Amino acid sequence: MKVTIDQDKCVASGQCVVAAAEVFDQREEDGIVVLLNTNPPVGQAEDVRHAATVCPALAITLEE
């Protein structure tokens, strides 16, 4: 799985961090998503898919 984010779309809701804190974080100054791992291990795939689903801005793109 390859994960990409569009920081321009991000609305800083933090749902991705709640769903997959090992893969996503937020910038201190404005809460915009920061991608920690572009190729998360298989064991984190379900959490990453959930993060993409709950993102209100649809800022997370996954390539399986």
N, C-alpha and C. Protein backbone atom coordinates (compact mmCIF):
# COMPACT_ATOMS: atom_id res chain seq x y z
N MET A 1 0.84 -1.18 0.00
CA MET A 1 0.00 0.00 0.00
C MET A 1 0.89 1.24 0.00
N LYS A 2 0.51 2.21 -0.84
CA LYS A 2 1.20 3.49 -0.86
C LYS A 2 0.19 4.56 -0.45
N VAL A 3 0.60 5.42 0.47
CA VAL A 3 -0.26 6.48 0.98
C VAL A 3 0.27 7.83 0.51
N THR A 4 -0.63 8.67 0.02
CA THR A 4 -0.28 10.05 -0.28
C THR A 4 -1.33 10.95 0.36
N ILE A 5 -0.92 12.17 0.65
CA ILE A 5 -1.84 13.13 1.24
C ILE A 5 -1.80 14.42 0.44
N ASP A 6 -2.89 15.16 0.49
CA ASP A 6 -2.96 16.48 -0.14
C ASP A 6 -3.15 17.49 0.99
N GLN A 7 -2.06 18.09 1.42
CA GLN A 7 -2.12 19.04 2.53
C GLN A 7 -2.99 20.25 2.20
N ASP A 8 -3.14 20.57 0.92
CA ASP A 8 -3.99 21.70 0.54
C ASP A 8 -5.47 21.42 0.79
N LYS A 9 -5.86 20.16 0.76
CA LYS A 9 -7.25 19.78 1.02
C LYS A 9 -7.53 19.62 2.52
N CYS A 10 -6.51 19.31 3.29
CA CYS A 10 -6.67 18.97 4.70
C CYS A 10 -7.35 20.11 5.48
N VAL A 11 -8.33 19.73 6.31
CA VAL A 11 -9.05 20.69 7.14
C VAL A 11 -8.69 20.54 8.63
N ALA A 12 -7.66 19.79 8.92
CA ALA A 12 -7.10 19.65 10.27
C ALA A 12 -8.08 19.06 11.28
N SER A 13 -8.91 18.13 10.85
CA SER A 13 -9.87 17.52 11.77
C SER A 13 -9.21 16.51 12.71
N GLY A 14 -8.09 15.92 12.29
CA GLY A 14 -7.36 14.98 13.12
C GLY A 14 -7.90 13.57 13.12
N GLN A 15 -8.90 13.29 12.31
CA GLN A 15 -9.47 11.95 12.27
C GLN A 15 -8.46 10.91 11.80
N CYS A 16 -7.56 11.29 10.93
CA CYS A 16 -6.55 10.35 10.45
C CYS A 16 -5.61 9.94 11.58
N VAL A 17 -5.25 10.89 12.42
CA VAL A 17 -4.35 10.60 13.54
C VAL A 17 -5.04 9.67 14.55
N VAL A 18 -6.32 9.91 14.80
CA VAL A 18 -7.07 9.04 15.71
C VAL A 18 -7.13 7.62 15.15
N ALA A 19 -7.30 7.50 13.84
CA ALA A 19 -7.44 6.19 13.21
C ALA A 19 -6.11 5.45 13.04
N ALA A 20 -5.04 6.19 12.74
CA ALA A 20 -3.75 5.55 12.44
C ALA A 20 -2.59 6.46 12.85
N ALA A 21 -2.37 6.56 14.14
CA ALA A 21 -1.34 7.46 14.67
C ALA A 21 0.08 7.06 14.26
N GLU A 22 0.26 5.81 13.85
CA GLU A 22 1.59 5.37 13.41
C GLU A 22 1.93 5.89 12.02
N VAL A 23 0.90 6.32 11.29
CA VAL A 23 1.09 6.72 9.90
C VAL A 23 0.88 8.23 9.70
N PHE A 24 0.00 8.82 10.51
CA PHE A 24 -0.34 10.24 10.35
C PHE A 24 -0.07 11.02 11.63
N ASP A 25 0.29 12.28 11.46
CA ASP A 25 0.44 13.21 12.57
C ASP A 25 -0.09 14.56 12.09
N GLN A 26 -0.05 15.55 12.96
CA GLN A 26 -0.50 16.89 12.60
C GLN A 26 0.57 17.90 12.95
N ARG A 27 0.69 18.94 12.12
CA ARG A 27 1.63 20.02 12.40
C ARG A 27 1.16 20.79 13.63
N GLU A 28 2.08 21.17 14.48
CA GLU A 28 1.76 21.92 15.70
C GLU A 28 1.07 23.25 15.39
N GLU A 29 1.57 23.96 14.39
CA GLU A 29 1.11 25.34 14.16
C GLU A 29 -0.30 25.44 13.59
N ASP A 30 -0.74 24.46 12.80
CA ASP A 30 -2.05 24.61 12.17
C ASP A 30 -2.87 23.31 12.09
N GLY A 31 -2.32 22.20 12.56
CA GLY A 31 -3.07 20.96 12.59
C GLY A 31 -3.14 20.21 11.28
N ILE A 32 -2.48 20.70 10.25
CA ILE A 32 -2.51 20.05 8.94
C ILE A 32 -1.79 18.70 9.02
N VAL A 33 -2.32 17.73 8.31
CA VAL A 33 -1.79 16.36 8.34
C VAL A 33 -0.33 16.30 7.89
N VAL A 34 0.41 15.41 8.54
CA VAL A 34 1.78 15.09 8.18
C VAL A 34 1.85 13.58 8.01
N LEU A 35 2.37 13.13 6.91
CA LEU A 35 2.49 11.71 6.63
C LEU A 35 3.80 11.18 7.21
N LEU A 36 3.70 10.22 8.12
CA LEU A 36 4.88 9.66 8.77
C LEU A 36 5.44 8.45 8.03
N ASN A 37 4.60 7.76 7.28
CA ASN A 37 5.02 6.54 6.61
C ASN A 37 4.23 6.38 5.30
N THR A 38 4.91 6.52 4.17
CA THR A 38 4.22 6.40 2.88
C THR A 38 3.88 4.97 2.51
N ASN A 39 4.59 4.02 3.11
CA ASN A 39 4.37 2.59 2.83
C ASN A 39 4.21 1.83 4.14
N PRO A 40 3.06 1.98 4.79
CA PRO A 40 2.88 1.32 6.09
C PRO A 40 2.84 -0.20 5.95
N PRO A 41 3.24 -0.91 7.02
CA PRO A 41 3.21 -2.37 6.97
C PRO A 41 1.78 -2.91 6.86
N VAL A 42 1.68 -4.13 6.41
CA VAL A 42 0.39 -4.78 6.20
C VAL A 42 -0.48 -4.73 7.45
N GLY A 43 0.13 -4.85 8.60
CA GLY A 43 -0.61 -4.84 9.85
C GLY A 43 -1.32 -3.52 10.15
N GLN A 44 -0.93 -2.45 9.49
CA GLN A 44 -1.55 -1.15 9.68
C GLN A 44 -2.53 -0.79 8.56
N ALA A 45 -2.65 -1.65 7.58
CA ALA A 45 -3.45 -1.33 6.39
C ALA A 45 -4.91 -1.05 6.73
N GLU A 46 -5.50 -1.82 7.61
CA GLU A 46 -6.91 -1.60 7.95
C GLU A 46 -7.12 -0.23 8.60
N ASP A 47 -6.21 0.15 9.50
CA ASP A 47 -6.31 1.46 10.15
C ASP A 47 -6.14 2.60 9.14
N VAL A 48 -5.23 2.42 8.19
CA VAL A 48 -4.99 3.44 7.17
C VAL A 48 -6.21 3.57 6.26
N ARG A 49 -6.80 2.47 5.88
CA ARG A 49 -8.02 2.52 5.06
C ARG A 49 -9.14 3.25 5.82
N HIS A 50 -9.25 2.96 7.10
CA HIS A 50 -10.26 3.64 7.92
C HIS A 50 -9.98 5.15 7.97
N ALA A 51 -8.73 5.53 8.12
CA ALA A 51 -8.36 6.94 8.15
C ALA A 51 -8.77 7.64 6.85
N ALA A 52 -8.53 6.98 5.72
CA ALA A 52 -8.90 7.57 4.43
C ALA A 52 -10.42 7.72 4.32
N THR A 53 -11.13 6.76 4.86
CA THR A 53 -12.60 6.78 4.80
C THR A 53 -13.20 7.90 5.65
N VAL A 54 -12.63 8.12 6.84
CA VAL A 54 -13.20 9.11 7.75
C VAL A 54 -12.68 10.53 7.52
N CYS A 55 -11.73 10.70 6.64
CA CYS A 55 -11.20 12.04 6.36
C CYS A 55 -12.29 12.90 5.73
N PRO A 56 -12.72 13.97 6.40
CA PRO A 56 -13.81 14.79 5.86
C PRO A 56 -13.44 15.55 4.59
N ALA A 57 -12.15 15.76 4.37
CA ALA A 57 -11.70 16.50 3.19
C ALA A 57 -11.26 15.59 2.05
N LEU A 58 -11.27 14.28 2.29
CA LEU A 58 -10.80 13.31 1.29
C LEU A 58 -9.37 13.64 0.84
N ALA A 59 -8.53 13.96 1.81
CA ALA A 59 -7.16 14.38 1.54
C ALA A 59 -6.17 13.21 1.48
N ILE A 60 -6.65 12.00 1.74
CA ILE A 60 -5.79 10.82 1.77
C ILE A 60 -6.09 9.93 0.57
N THR A 61 -5.04 9.58 -0.17
CA THR A 61 -5.19 8.71 -1.33
C THR A 61 -4.38 7.44 -1.08
N LEU A 62 -4.99 6.29 -1.38
CA LEU A 62 -4.32 5.02 -1.20
C LEU A 62 -4.16 4.29 -2.53
N GLU A 63 -3.01 3.69 -2.72
CA GLU A 63 -2.75 2.80 -3.86
C GLU A 63 -2.46 1.43 -3.28
N GLU A 64 -3.32 0.49 -3.58
CA GLU A 64 -3.17 -0.87 -3.01
C GLU A 64 -2.15 -1.67 -3.77
